[in-house]
Amino acid sequence: RRIRHSPQHPPIFPQHVFDTSKTDKTLRNVFAKKQSWATAPEESGATKEEQAIELLKGMTPEQIMAVISAINR
């Protein structure tokens, strides 16, 4: 049975390549704000994993996808 795609029924897995060009500036701003973590001594005892989790909590899904895309390059 063949499924026809229409505006009411878009394909389940659309062919989409994530474009990071729109989020690059935003990501630079986010990381600039959080860069103090990298240079500051760990006074709170937070691990790098905990710091990464806190950083991700403040990001939009689009920003997270941009980070993943940049890592996979």
Protein backbone atom coordinates (compact mmCIF):
# COMPACT_ATOMS: atom_id res chain seq x y z
CA ARG A 1 0.00 0.00 0.00
CA ARG A 2 1.44 3.35 -1.00
CA ILE A 3 1.00 6.44 1.16
CA ARG A 4 0.53 9.72 -0.63
CA HIS A 5 1.99 12.76 1.08
CA SER A 6 -0.02 15.94 1.28
CA PRO A 7 0.02 19.06 3.44
CA GLN A 8 -2.34 17.25 5.81
CA HIS A 9 -0.09 14.16 5.84
CA PRO A 10 3.56 15.18 5.51
CA PRO A 11 6.22 12.48 5.22
CA ILE A 12 7.16 10.97 8.56
CA PHE A 13 10.89 11.41 7.96
CA PRO A 14 11.37 14.49 5.77
CA GLN A 15 14.71 14.89 4.06
CA HIS A 16 16.12 17.74 6.11
CA VAL A 17 19.66 18.92 6.64
CA PHE A 18 20.10 21.04 9.75
CA ASP A 19 21.37 24.51 8.85
CA THR A 20 23.64 25.84 11.58
CA SER A 21 24.28 29.21 9.92
CA LYS A 22 21.34 30.82 11.74
CA THR A 23 22.40 29.55 15.15
CA ASP A 24 26.18 30.05 14.97
CA LYS A 25 26.02 33.61 16.37
CA THR A 26 23.59 32.58 19.08
CA LEU A 27 25.81 29.67 20.08
CA ARG A 28 28.85 31.93 20.29
CA ASN A 29 26.89 34.20 22.63
CA VAL A 30 25.75 31.30 24.80
CA PHE A 31 29.25 29.87 25.11
CA ALA A 32 30.78 33.30 25.74
CA LYS A 33 28.48 33.71 28.74
CA LYS A 34 29.38 30.26 30.05
CA GLN A 35 33.11 30.45 29.31
CA SER A 36 33.83 31.61 32.84
CA TRP A 37 33.26 27.99 33.89
CA ALA A 38 36.30 26.88 31.95
CA THR A 39 38.63 29.42 33.55
CA ALA A 40 37.18 29.64 37.06
CA PRO A 41 38.33 27.20 39.72
CA GLU A 42 35.72 24.65 40.66
CA GLU A 43 34.59 26.34 43.85
CA SER A 44 31.18 24.71 43.84
CA GLY A 45 32.62 21.27 43.20
CA ALA A 46 30.50 20.89 40.06
CA THR A 47 31.89 18.37 37.61
CA LYS A 48 32.28 19.09 33.92
CA GLU A 49 29.31 16.82 33.28
CA GLU A 50 27.15 18.83 35.68
CA GLN A 51 28.30 22.07 34.05
CA ALA A 52 27.46 20.68 30.59
CA ILE A 53 24.00 19.68 31.80
CA GLU A 54 23.39 23.18 33.19
CA LEU A 55 24.52 24.69 29.88
CA LEU A 56 22.15 22.45 27.91
CA LYS A 57 19.23 23.35 30.18
CA GLY A 58 19.48 26.96 29.03
CA MET A 59 19.57 26.11 25.32
CA THR A 60 16.79 25.76 22.79
CA PRO A 61 16.41 22.49 20.87
CA GLU A 62 17.74 24.28 17.78
CA GLN A 63 20.89 25.35 19.65
CA ILE A 64 21.43 21.81 20.94
CA MET A 65 21.09 20.42 17.40
CA ALA A 66 23.63 23.00 16.20
CA VAL A 67 26.09 21.86 18.87
CA ILE A 68 25.61 18.21 17.91
CA SER A 69 26.05 19.09 14.24
CA ALA A 70 29.26 21.01 14.99
CA ILE A 71 30.66 18.13 17.06
CA ASN A 72 29.95 15.64 14.28
CA ARG A 73 31.79 17.68 11.63
